Amino acid sequence: MADLVVVSWDGAPPDAVRRWADAGKLPNLAELARGGAWGTTVSTVPPVTAPAWASFHTGVGPGKHGVFEWAVRRPGSYIPALADGRSLALPTVWEILSNHVPVGVLGYPLTHPARPVRGFWIPGFLAPPDADGHPPGIMATVRESAPGFLATPPEWSYGTDPTAWATELADLAEHQAWAAVALADRFRPAVLAVHFQITDTVQHYLGEREEVLAVFQAADRALGMLINALAPRRTILLSDHGMGPVDGEFHINTWLLAEGFLHLRRRPTSTLRGFLFRRGVTPMNLAGLGQRLYPLARRLGFLHNGLELWGDGALARGVRRVFLSLEDVDWSKTVAYSHAEIGSIYLNRVGREPRGTVAAADAPRVRRDLAQALAEVRLPTGEPLLGDLYFGEELYRGDKAWLGPDILFLPRGLRWLGKGIVGFLHHTVFSPSPMAAGHRMEGVLVVSGEDVPPGQAPRAHLWDLAPTILALCGVPIPSWMDGQPLMGAFGDMASPPAYVAEPVPGRDSAGEDTIRRLRGLGYL
């Protein structure tokens, strides 16, 4: 018997999930909710997988854990790396817990490389195929109990049969549950946390097709397997964000180039790539060819996920040799650029960026100019692009806040995606999206078990979950956590949450030197 089981369905939309549960199509979730309460989670802004799960793991916002999107800064470069577990500047709730009770962690984003815990740790989404877990060699046990286990679900590609693909995703859920149950039987964790990426992946490409429900039903069966095997005293089911229809994409760097905020170099290779770009030689326009080649590349081990096409890997470097990229930008004339997946812009700041042009005194003006220009952008329908717009300091608190975007925006209804992640995806500012659905701010939350009064659970920020988990296990909450334990959702508990005063860990002298330098330049 486990004290607590945490099940995460990535991207689960609360309205659809509750409707399916009420209709009897997700019977295990419905049974869980009958003994508990429904609520919602509130994601990070923008609602991107990497910062969302980073906040869940650490109990803090991006300004402290340092993950603002999938793209993370590389010293001395404008070309980002892909976020992974090394990007987290803080210990996770699982490490804190394991100082007191055995834990099991399986399948989550940002869990590679594995961290040593008392119990087991199996890396999840985007971990390399040969990634090991903890304790070392544990992946042999995983493959023995669940031969079909994969850290990252296979992506949709051109010509894929939707039913066959959904069946493949559903089978993966079963293998994940088998692995979790086998490891729990061996390690006896007091707290088990399992993440299912398939619920997000299937919606991105199939939207609201009937195959989507089939994948959620597989996740529901996996939920039933976990509860039956571990008989937990309490269960939390949550998602990092919701999901909804997408109409198209807004290409931020293309727009910045057209508006004069970003300029290209005049060297021959950049001039050639710029010429080809204006004539439509772009990653988006050749996406159909890429999707045809993806299954072969995956079978041969050349490519495991589409995010590998940017960053610092060999394939990403190859893409930048062919297509216009941030390597072709004249940074001496550029004031802003983007690595966004939904909507964010960085100023090319003196003292932060390698070749910054925007001094501290000029930053407010440049940011106002950008905000005004964004407010004037009209969608192809004639409606404004903008829904909400924020400046970085409105959202971020902590010693990593200065690394984050200067402007964040949510396109109207989140039906358009503000893209900048590969530099220049398309030669027009607006284009259709290859995805049928995109992220929304609210996800699902269900709490069940001892002390849980039936009814409505709180509306919780993702960083509230870590202190809640600690409090439920009687473990003191570090004072540096931003989140608040959701004790109202668990009724009359034996003892109130306890806190322990601790300095924010993970700071080093180099980081402090950089902060002092930026403060001297007037940014902080």
Protein backbone atom coordinates (compact mmCIF):
# COMPACT_ATOMS: atom_id res chain seq x y z
CA MET A 1 0.00 0.00 0.00
CA ALA A 2 1.29 3.46 -0.96
CA ASP A 3 0.62 6.64 0.98
CA LEU A 4 0.22 8.67 -2.19
CA VAL A 5 0.00 8.00 -5.94
CA VAL A 6 0.37 10.96 -8.32
CA VAL A 7 -0.77 10.34 -11.90
CA SER A 8 -0.11 12.98 -14.55
CA TRP A 9 -2.00 13.04 -17.86
CA ASP A 10 -0.12 15.56 -19.96
CA GLY A 11 -2.35 18.16 -21.62
CA ALA A 12 -5.63 16.74 -20.29
CA PRO A 13 -8.42 19.32 -20.89
CA PRO A 14 -10.67 19.55 -17.81
CA ASP A 15 -14.01 19.96 -19.58
CA ALA A 16 -13.52 17.03 -21.97
CA VAL A 17 -12.09 14.74 -19.28
CA ARG A 18 -14.95 15.42 -16.91
CA ARG A 19 -17.51 14.96 -19.68
CA TRP A 20 -16.00 11.59 -20.61
CA ALA A 21 -15.86 10.53 -16.97
CA ASP A 22 -19.49 11.53 -16.35
CA ALA A 23 -20.51 9.55 -19.44
CA GLY A 24 -18.82 6.41 -18.10
CA LYS A 25 -16.10 6.42 -20.74
CA LEU A 26 -13.31 6.85 -18.15
CA PRO A 27 -14.60 4.54 -15.41
CA ASN A 28 -11.49 4.47 -13.24
CA LEU A 29 -11.25 8.25 -13.15
CA ALA A 30 -14.99 8.48 -12.47
CA GLU A 31 -14.62 6.08 -9.54
CA LEU A 32 -11.66 8.08 -8.24
CA ALA A 33 -13.62 11.31 -8.43
CA ARG A 34 -16.62 9.80 -6.65
CA GLY A 35 -14.46 9.45 -3.58
CA GLY A 36 -12.88 12.85 -4.02
CA ALA A 37 -13.15 16.21 -5.71
CA TRP A 38 -12.67 17.83 -9.11
CA GLY A 39 -10.56 20.94 -9.56
CA THR A 40 -8.28 22.62 -12.10
CA THR A 41 -4.59 23.38 -12.43
CA VAL A 42 -3.28 26.71 -13.68
CA SER A 43 -0.24 26.45 -15.93
CA THR A 44 2.72 28.75 -16.39
CA VAL A 45 2.55 31.71 -18.78
CA PRO A 46 2.79 30.71 -21.55
CA PRO A 47 1.49 27.17 -20.89
CA VAL A 48 4.53 25.29 -22.20
CA THR A 49 5.40 21.74 -21.11
CA ALA A 50 8.97 22.39 -19.92
CA PRO A 51 8.36 25.31 -17.50
CA ALA A 52 5.04 23.79 -16.42
CA TRP A 53 6.54 20.49 -15.24
CA ALA A 54 9.60 22.31 -13.90
CA SER A 55 7.24 24.28 -11.63
CA PHE A 56 5.46 21.07 -10.62
CA HIS A 57 8.77 19.34 -9.79
CA THR A 58 10.22 22.21 -7.75
CA GLY A 59 7.30 24.12 -6.23
CA VAL A 60 8.50 27.42 -7.66
CA GLY A 61 7.95 29.59 -10.71
CA PRO A 62 10.34 29.98 -13.65
CA GLY A 63 12.08 32.94 -12.01
CA LYS A 64 13.57 30.51 -9.49
CA HIS A 65 13.92 27.21 -11.35
CA GLY A 66 15.22 28.90 -14.52
CA VAL A 67 13.23 27.01 -17.20
CA PHE A 68 11.12 29.44 -19.25
CA GLU A 69 10.48 27.32 -22.35
CA TRP A 70 12.01 24.30 -24.08
CA ALA A 71 14.83 26.54 -25.30
CA VAL A 72 17.46 27.31 -22.65
CA ARG A 73 20.42 29.65 -22.98
CA ARG A 74 23.88 28.41 -23.88
CA PRO A 75 26.70 30.64 -22.61
CA GLY A 76 28.04 32.90 -25.34
CA SER A 77 25.48 31.83 -27.95
CA TYR A 78 22.08 32.81 -29.31
CA ILE A 79 21.45 29.21 -30.36
CA PRO A 80 19.66 27.51 -27.47
CA ALA A 81 19.96 24.04 -25.99
CA LEU A 82 17.01 21.78 -25.22
CA ALA A 83 15.88 21.90 -21.59
CA ASP A 84 16.41 18.76 -19.54
CA GLY A 85 16.89 17.87 -15.88
CA ARG A 86 20.19 19.74 -15.75
CA SER A 87 18.32 22.95 -16.52
CA LEU A 88 16.55 22.88 -13.14
CA ALA A 89 18.36 25.15 -10.71
CA LEU A 90 16.69 23.58 -7.67
CA PRO A 91 16.15 20.16 -6.10
CA THR A 92 12.89 18.42 -6.95
CA VAL A 93 10.14 17.49 -4.55
CA TRP A 94 11.06 13.84 -5.16
CA GLU A 95 14.60 14.35 -3.87
CA ILE A 96 13.33 16.20 -0.81
CA LEU A 97 10.78 13.47 -0.15
CA SER A 98 13.34 10.69 -0.51
CA ASN A 99 15.25 12.05 2.48
CA HIS A 100 12.25 10.87 4.51
CA VAL A 101 10.40 8.12 2.61
CA PRO A 102 11.07 5.91 -0.44
CA VAL A 103 9.77 7.35 -3.73
CA GLY A 104 9.20 6.19 -7.29
CA VAL A 105 9.26 8.57 -10.29
CA LEU A 106 8.50 7.40 -13.83
CA GLY A 107 8.08 9.11 -17.17
CA TYR A 108 8.15 12.85 -16.42
CA PRO A 109 9.67 15.55 -18.64
CA LEU A 110 12.91 17.08 -17.32
CA THR A 111 13.94 13.91 -15.48
CA HIS A 112 17.02 13.08 -17.56
CA PRO A 113 19.68 12.62 -16.33
CA ALA A 114 18.23 10.58 -13.48
CA ARG A 115 18.74 11.97 -9.98
CA PRO A 116 19.64 9.66 -7.09
CA VAL A 117 16.72 9.06 -4.75
CA ARG A 118 15.75 6.51 -2.14
CA GLY A 119 13.66 4.38 -4.43
CA PHE A 120 13.63 4.56 -8.23
CA TRP A 121 13.75 7.24 -10.94
CA ILE A 122 12.93 6.46 -14.60
CA PRO A 123 13.57 9.33 -17.06
CA GLY A 124 10.65 10.33 -19.26
CA PHE A 125 9.70 12.51 -22.21
CA LEU A 126 12.64 13.47 -24.48
CA ALA A 127 15.18 11.38 -22.55
CA PRO A 128 17.64 9.71 -24.98
CA PRO A 129 16.74 6.11 -25.89
CA ASP A 130 19.82 4.83 -24.06
CA ALA A 131 19.23 6.93 -20.92
CA ASP A 132 19.65 5.05 -17.66
CA GLY A 133 17.63 5.60 -14.51
CA HIS A 134 18.32 5.25 -10.83
CA PRO A 135 19.60 3.02 -9.39
CA PRO A 136 22.05 2.45 -12.26
CA GLY A 137 21.06 -0.45 -14.48
CA ILE A 138 17.39 -0.24 -13.56
CA MET A 139 16.29 0.09 -17.19
CA ALA A 140 17.02 -3.63 -17.63
CA THR A 141 14.28 -4.31 -15.07
CA VAL A 142 11.94 -1.94 -16.89
CA ARG A 143 12.48 -3.66 -20.25
CA GLU A 144 12.01 -7.05 -18.64
CA SER A 145 8.65 -6.17 -17.11
CA ALA A 146 7.49 -3.86 -19.94
CA PRO A 147 9.30 -4.60 -23.24
CA GLY A 148 7.33 -1.92 -25.06
CA PHE A 149 8.26 0.90 -22.66
CA LEU A 150 9.34 4.15 -24.37
CA ALA A 151 10.25 7.40 -22.65
CA THR A 152 8.94 9.42 -25.61
CA PRO A 153 5.84 8.43 -27.63
CA PRO A 154 6.25 8.06 -31.40
CA GLU A 155 5.19 11.22 -33.19
CA TRP A 156 2.61 11.55 -35.90
CA SER A 157 4.03 11.54 -39.42
CA TYR A 158 2.71 11.90 -42.96
CA GLY A 159 0.63 8.95 -44.07
CA THR A 160 0.23 7.48 -40.58
CA ASP A 161 -3.02 5.64 -40.03
CA PRO A 162 -4.72 7.41 -37.10
CA THR A 163 -6.23 4.26 -35.66
CA ALA A 164 -2.97 2.31 -35.81
CA TRP A 165 -1.07 5.23 -34.26
CA ALA A 166 -3.60 5.62 -31.46
CA THR A 167 -3.33 1.88 -30.78
CA GLU A 168 0.46 2.23 -30.54
CA LEU A 169 0.04 5.05 -28.03
CA ALA A 170 -2.51 3.06 -26.05
CA ASP A 171 -0.15 0.09 -25.86
CA LEU A 172 2.55 2.40 -24.52
CA ALA A 173 0.27 3.42 -21.62
CA GLU A 174 -0.13 -0.23 -20.68
CA HIS A 175 3.61 -0.82 -20.72
CA GLN A 176 4.21 2.26 -18.58
CA ALA A 177 1.73 0.94 -16.01
CA TRP A 178 3.35 -2.51 -16.06
CA ALA A 179 6.76 -0.94 -15.46
CA ALA A 180 5.47 1.23 -12.61
CA VAL A 181 3.72 -1.68 -10.89
CA ALA A 182 6.76 -3.97 -11.20
CA LEU A 183 9.10 -1.32 -9.82
CA ALA A 184 6.70 -0.44 -7.02
CA ASP A 185 6.54 -4.10 -6.05
CA ARG A 186 10.35 -4.16 -5.84
CA PHE A 187 11.05 -0.79 -4.17
CA ARG A 188 7.85 -0.28 -2.13
CA PRO A 189 7.67 3.53 -2.53
CA ALA A 190 5.53 5.51 -0.11
CA VAL A 191 4.95 7.98 -2.96
CA LEU A 192 4.68 6.93 -6.62
CA ALA A 193 4.47 9.49 -9.44
CA VAL A 194 3.79 8.41 -13.04
CA HIS A 195 3.51 10.66 -16.10
CA PHE A 196 1.71 9.82 -19.37
CA GLN A 197 2.77 11.93 -22.35
CA ILE A 198 0.47 10.13 -24.80
CA THR A 199 -2.58 12.19 -23.81
CA ASP A 200 -0.82 15.36 -25.00
CA THR A 201 0.75 13.88 -28.12
CA VAL A 202 -2.46 12.43 -29.53
CA GLN A 203 -4.39 15.69 -29.15
CA HIS A 204 -1.74 17.79 -30.86
CA TYR A 205 -2.10 15.84 -34.07
CA LEU A 206 -5.62 14.41 -34.01
CA GLY A 207 -7.47 17.23 -32.24
CA GLU A 208 -10.93 15.99 -31.31
CA ARG A 209 -11.06 12.83 -33.43
CA GLU A 210 -12.50 9.69 -31.87
CA GLU A 211 -9.02 8.14 -31.56
CA VAL A 212 -8.20 10.74 -28.90
CA LEU A 213 -10.79 9.28 -26.55
CA ALA A 214 -9.35 5.80 -27.17
CA VAL A 215 -5.93 7.00 -25.95
CA PHE A 216 -7.46 8.60 -22.85
CA GLN A 217 -9.29 5.35 -22.18
CA ALA A 218 -5.92 3.57 -22.28
CA ALA A 219 -4.58 6.10 -19.76
CA ASP A 220 -7.68 5.44 -17.65
CA ARG A 221 -7.00 1.69 -17.69
CA ALA A 222 -3.43 2.40 -16.63
CA LEU A 223 -4.78 4.54 -13.78
CA GLY A 224 -6.92 1.58 -12.68
CA MET A 225 -3.93 -0.74 -12.78
CA LEU A 226 -1.91 1.58 -10.55
CA ILE A 227 -4.68 2.08 -8.01
CA ASN A 228 -5.53 -1.63 -7.85
CA ALA A 229 -1.89 -2.62 -7.42
CA LEU A 230 -0.89 0.02 -4.86
CA ALA A 231 -4.17 0.69 -3.00
CA PRO A 232 -3.05 4.24 -2.16
CA ARG A 233 -4.38 6.14 0.84
CA ARG A 234 -4.58 9.23 -1.37
CA THR A 235 -4.43 9.86 -5.11
CA ILE A 236 -3.81 13.03 -7.11
CA LEU A 237 -4.45 13.14 -10.86
CA LEU A 238 -3.43 16.28 -12.72
CA SER A 239 -2.36 17.76 -16.02
CA ASP A 240 0.15 20.52 -16.72
CA HIS A 241 -2.18 22.42 -19.05
CA GLY A 242 -5.28 21.88 -21.15
CA MET A 243 -5.75 21.64 -24.88
CA GLY A 244 -7.89 23.26 -27.55
CA PRO A 245 -8.15 23.87 -31.32
CA VAL A 246 -5.42 25.73 -33.23
CA ASP A 247 -6.10 27.97 -36.25
CA GLY A 248 -2.52 28.74 -37.27
CA GLU A 249 0.89 30.10 -36.34
CA PHE A 250 2.32 33.60 -35.95
CA HIS A 251 6.03 33.58 -36.82
CA ILE A 252 7.63 36.00 -34.42
CA ASN A 253 11.14 36.29 -35.87
CA THR A 254 9.69 36.73 -39.37
CA TRP A 255 7.53 39.53 -37.97
CA LEU A 256 10.46 41.10 -36.09
CA LEU A 257 12.46 41.05 -39.33
CA ALA A 258 9.63 42.69 -41.28
CA GLU A 259 9.13 45.35 -38.58
CA GLY A 260 12.83 46.26 -38.37
CA PHE A 261 13.48 44.96 -34.85
CA LEU A 262 15.73 42.21 -36.24
CA HIS A 263 18.29 42.38 -39.08
CA LEU A 264 20.18 39.80 -41.13
CA ARG A 265 23.90 39.60 -41.79
CA ARG A 266 25.19 40.47 -45.26
CA ARG A 267 27.73 37.68 -45.59
CA PRO A 268 27.28 35.52 -48.74
CA THR A 269 25.85 32.43 -47.02
CA SER A 270 23.33 34.47 -45.02
CA THR A 271 22.36 36.44 -48.11
CA LEU A 272 21.75 33.18 -49.98
CA ARG A 273 19.68 31.70 -47.16
CA GLY A 274 17.74 34.98 -46.93
CA PHE A 275 17.07 34.85 -50.69
CA LEU A 276 15.81 31.25 -50.44
CA PHE A 277 13.77 32.13 -47.34
CA ARG A 278 11.90 34.90 -49.13
CA ARG A 279 11.06 32.40 -51.86
CA GLY A 280 9.61 29.92 -49.42
CA VAL A 281 12.51 27.55 -48.71
CA THR A 282 11.61 27.15 -45.05
CA PRO A 283 11.21 24.29 -42.55
CA MET A 284 7.42 24.66 -42.61
CA ASN A 285 7.15 24.52 -46.38
CA LEU A 286 9.27 21.36 -46.47
CA ALA A 287 7.52 19.82 -43.46
CA GLY A 288 5.68 17.36 -45.67
CA LEU A 289 8.97 15.89 -46.88
CA GLY A 290 10.26 15.77 -43.31
CA GLN A 291 7.16 13.90 -42.15
CA ARG A 292 7.61 11.35 -44.93
CA LEU A 293 11.23 10.79 -43.87
CA TYR A 294 10.55 10.79 -40.11
CA PRO A 295 9.52 7.10 -39.78
CA LEU A 296 12.69 6.00 -41.58
CA ALA A 297 14.90 8.37 -39.54
CA ARG A 298 13.33 7.06 -36.34
CA ARG A 299 13.87 3.42 -37.31
CA LEU A 300 17.50 4.13 -38.18
CA GLY A 301 18.07 6.02 -34.93
CA PHE A 302 18.83 9.36 -36.59
CA LEU A 303 15.88 11.18 -35.03
CA HIS A 304 13.76 10.40 -31.99
CA ASN A 305 11.65 13.56 -31.66
CA GLY A 306 10.95 16.68 -33.68
CA LEU A 307 12.51 18.94 -31.03
CA GLU A 308 15.89 17.46 -31.98
CA LEU A 309 15.75 19.57 -35.16
CA TRP A 310 16.77 22.64 -33.19
CA GLY A 311 19.29 23.26 -30.45
CA ASP A 312 22.91 22.11 -30.68
CA GLY A 313 22.68 18.56 -32.03
CA ALA A 314 24.07 17.38 -35.37
CA LEU A 315 20.66 17.43 -37.08
CA ALA A 316 19.95 20.92 -35.79
CA ARG A 317 23.29 22.17 -37.10
CA GLY A 318 22.47 20.63 -40.46
CA VAL A 319 19.11 22.39 -40.55
CA ARG A 320 20.84 25.73 -39.89
CA ARG A 321 23.17 25.18 -42.84
CA VAL A 322 20.17 24.89 -45.16
CA PHE A 323 17.56 27.25 -43.73
CA LEU A 324 17.67 30.82 -42.49
CA SER A 325 18.38 30.76 -38.74
CA LEU A 326 19.49 32.91 -35.83
CA GLU A 327 23.08 32.30 -36.98
CA ASP A 328 22.25 34.60 -39.90
CA VAL A 329 21.15 37.50 -37.68
CA ASP A 330 23.21 40.68 -37.50
CA TRP A 331 23.20 41.09 -33.74
CA SER A 332 24.92 44.47 -33.89
CA LYS A 333 21.69 45.90 -35.38
CA THR A 334 19.09 43.63 -33.76
CA VAL A 335 17.09 44.66 -30.69
CA ALA A 336 14.77 41.65 -30.22
CA TYR A 337 14.41 37.96 -31.08
CA SER A 338 12.36 34.91 -30.06
CA HIS A 339 12.70 31.26 -29.06
CA ALA A 340 8.96 30.99 -28.40
CA GLU A 341 6.56 28.09 -28.74
CA ILE A 342 3.42 30.05 -27.85
CA GLY A 343 4.48 33.68 -27.50
CA SER A 344 7.57 35.37 -26.03
CA ILE A 345 10.26 37.86 -27.04
CA TYR A 346 13.73 38.58 -25.65
CA LEU A 347 15.44 41.94 -25.90
CA ASN A 348 19.02 41.79 -27.14
CA ARG A 349 20.26 43.20 -23.85
CA VAL A 350 23.74 44.55 -23.16
CA GLY A 351 25.33 42.41 -20.45
CA ARG A 352 22.95 39.46 -20.84
CA GLU A 353 23.10 38.51 -24.52
CA PRO A 354 26.50 37.76 -26.12
CA ARG A 355 26.36 40.79 -28.43
CA GLY A 356 23.69 42.91 -26.81
CA THR A 357 22.55 46.24 -28.24
CA VAL A 358 19.80 47.33 -25.85
CA ALA A 359 21.16 49.22 -22.84
CA ALA A 360 19.28 49.24 -19.55
CA ALA A 361 18.19 52.84 -20.04
CA ASP A 362 16.70 52.02 -23.46
CA ALA A 363 15.03 48.72 -22.52
CA PRO A 364 11.69 50.20 -21.31
CA ARG A 365 11.27 52.20 -24.52
CA VAL A 366 12.13 49.27 -26.79
CA ARG A 367 9.77 47.03 -24.87
CA ARG A 368 6.94 49.59 -25.15
CA ASP A 369 7.57 49.86 -28.89
CA LEU A 370 7.36 46.09 -29.25
CA ALA A 371 4.19 45.91 -27.16
CA GLN A 372 2.56 48.63 -29.24
CA ALA A 373 3.55 46.94 -32.50
CA LEU A 374 2.13 43.61 -31.28
CA ALA A 375 -1.11 45.32 -30.31
CA GLU A 376 -1.48 46.48 -33.91
CA VAL A 377 -1.02 43.02 -35.46
CA ARG A 378 -4.16 41.68 -37.09
CA LEU A 379 -4.91 38.03 -37.79
CA PRO A 380 -5.88 36.98 -41.32
CA THR A 381 -9.49 37.26 -40.11
CA GLY A 382 -8.94 40.93 -39.25
CA GLU A 383 -9.16 40.37 -35.49
CA PRO A 384 -6.32 41.43 -33.17
CA LEU A 385 -3.64 38.81 -32.55
CA LEU A 386 -3.18 39.72 -28.90
CA GLY A 387 -5.12 38.34 -26.01
CA ASP A 388 -2.93 39.06 -22.99
CA LEU A 389 0.53 40.62 -22.86
CA TYR A 390 2.93 40.70 -19.89
CA PHE A 391 6.36 42.11 -19.15
CA GLY A 392 8.77 39.67 -17.55
CA GLU A 393 8.82 41.25 -14.11
CA GLU A 394 5.02 40.86 -13.88
CA LEU A 395 5.41 37.07 -13.94
CA TYR A 396 8.87 36.18 -12.67
CA ARG A 397 10.37 36.40 -9.20
CA GLY A 398 13.75 34.98 -8.23
CA ASP A 399 17.43 35.04 -9.08
CA LYS A 400 16.87 33.46 -12.53
CA ALA A 401 14.17 35.94 -13.57
CA TRP A 402 16.64 38.11 -15.52
CA LEU A 403 17.25 35.18 -17.90
CA GLY A 404 13.63 34.98 -18.98
CA PRO A 405 11.70 36.62 -21.83
CA ASP A 406 11.12 40.36 -21.62
CA ILE A 407 7.68 40.13 -23.24
CA LEU A 408 5.24 37.25 -22.99
CA PHE A 409 1.94 37.17 -24.83
CA LEU A 410 -0.99 34.84 -25.22
CA PRO A 411 -2.57 35.11 -28.67
CA ARG A 412 -6.32 35.59 -28.60
CA GLY A 413 -7.99 32.45 -27.28
CA LEU A 414 -4.65 30.63 -27.71
CA ARG A 415 -5.96 29.55 -31.11
CA TRP A 416 -2.79 30.91 -32.73
CA LEU A 417 0.72 29.93 -31.66
CA GLY A 418 3.48 32.54 -31.50
CA LYS A 419 6.46 30.60 -32.86
CA GLY A 420 10.17 31.39 -32.74
CA ILE A 421 11.67 28.12 -31.58
CA VAL A 422 13.56 27.25 -34.78
CA GLY A 423 14.37 30.85 -35.66
CA PHE A 424 12.55 31.29 -38.97
CA LEU A 425 9.98 28.57 -39.57
CA HIS A 426 8.05 30.30 -42.34
CA HIS A 427 8.58 33.19 -44.76
CA THR A 428 5.16 34.68 -44.07
CA VAL A 429 4.11 36.08 -40.71
CA PHE A 430 1.04 33.82 -40.54
CA SER A 431 0.79 30.22 -41.71
CA PRO A 432 -1.35 27.15 -41.11
CA SER A 433 -0.27 24.93 -38.22
CA PRO A 434 0.75 21.28 -38.63
CA MET A 435 -0.97 20.67 -35.30
CA ALA A 436 -4.70 20.32 -34.78
CA ALA A 437 -4.60 21.41 -31.14
CA GLY A 438 -2.48 23.53 -28.82
CA HIS A 439 -2.11 24.23 -25.13
CA ARG A 440 -4.54 26.06 -22.86
CA MET A 441 -3.95 27.61 -19.44
CA GLU A 442 -6.11 25.27 -17.35
CA GLY A 443 -5.65 21.55 -16.81
CA VAL A 444 -7.48 18.89 -14.84
CA LEU A 445 -7.07 18.16 -11.12
CA VAL A 446 -8.69 15.33 -9.15
CA VAL A 447 -7.87 14.59 -5.51
CA SER A 448 -9.17 11.50 -3.76
CA GLY A 449 -8.70 9.36 -0.68
CA GLU A 450 -8.44 9.86 3.06
CA ASP A 451 -9.56 13.23 4.42
CA VAL A 452 -10.78 14.42 0.99
CA PRO A 453 -14.27 15.97 1.25
CA PRO A 454 -16.37 15.38 -1.88
CA GLY A 455 -17.11 18.38 -4.04
CA GLN A 456 -14.93 21.01 -5.64
CA ALA A 457 -11.15 20.96 -5.27
CA PRO A 458 -9.16 24.20 -5.45
CA ARG A 459 -7.93 25.94 -8.56
CA ALA A 460 -4.23 25.25 -8.05
CA HIS A 461 -1.09 26.65 -9.65
CA LEU A 462 1.32 23.92 -10.69
CA TRP A 463 3.87 25.05 -8.10
CA ASP A 464 1.27 24.37 -5.38
CA LEU A 465 1.54 20.61 -5.94
CA ALA A 466 5.07 20.12 -4.54
CA PRO A 467 4.34 21.67 -1.14
CA THR A 468 1.01 19.81 -1.08
CA ILE A 469 2.77 16.47 -1.63
CA LEU A 470 5.30 17.27 1.09
CA ALA A 471 2.56 18.26 3.54
CA LEU A 472 0.55 15.10 2.85
CA CYS A 473 3.65 13.05 3.70
CA GLY A 474 4.41 15.04 6.84
CA VAL A 475 7.63 16.43 5.36
CA PRO A 476 8.53 20.08 6.15
CA ILE A 477 8.15 22.49 3.24
CA PRO A 478 11.26 24.52 2.34
CA SER A 479 10.61 28.22 2.80
CA TRP A 480 11.91 28.98 -0.71
CA MET A 481 8.97 27.24 -2.39
CA ASP A 482 6.52 29.64 -4.04
CA GLY A 483 3.55 27.28 -3.85
CA GLN A 484 1.02 26.89 -1.07
CA PRO A 485 -0.18 23.47 0.11
CA LEU A 486 -3.76 22.72 -0.92
CA MET A 487 -4.84 21.68 2.52
CA GLY A 488 -8.44 22.72 1.96
CA ALA A 489 -8.71 19.91 -0.57
CA PHE A 490 -7.78 17.33 2.04
CA GLY A 491 -10.16 18.29 4.84
CA ASP A 492 -9.19 17.71 8.43
CA MET A 493 -5.63 16.47 8.39
CA ALA A 494 -3.93 15.21 11.51
CA SER A 495 -1.39 18.03 11.54
CA PRO A 496 -1.00 21.36 9.73
CA PRO A 497 1.80 21.84 7.18
CA ALA A 498 5.24 22.48 8.66
CA TYR A 499 7.86 24.75 7.13
CA VAL A 500 11.63 24.79 7.39
CA ALA A 501 13.61 27.98 6.79
CA GLU A 502 16.18 27.34 4.06
CA PRO A 503 18.05 29.60 1.63
CA VAL A 504 17.28 29.03 -2.03
CA PRO A 505 19.72 26.28 -3.06
CA GLY A 506 21.57 26.05 -6.34
CA ARG A 507 23.12 29.52 -6.41
CA ASP A 508 26.82 29.70 -7.16
CA SER A 509 29.43 32.43 -7.15
CA ALA A 510 29.39 32.73 -10.95
CA GLY A 511 25.64 33.26 -10.90
CA GLU A 512 25.94 35.86 -8.19
CA ASP A 513 28.74 37.61 -10.11
CA THR A 514 26.48 37.81 -13.16
CA ILE A 515 23.62 39.16 -11.08
CA ARG A 516 25.89 41.85 -9.60
CA ARG A 517 27.08 42.77 -13.09
CA LEU A 518 23.52 43.13 -14.41
CA ARG A 519 22.54 45.11 -11.34
CA GLY A 520 25.46 47.43 -12.08
CA LEU A 521 24.20 47.86 -15.64
CA GLY A 522 20.81 48.89 -14.30
CA TYR A 523 18.75 45.83 -15.26
CA LEU A 524 18.05 44.56 -11.75
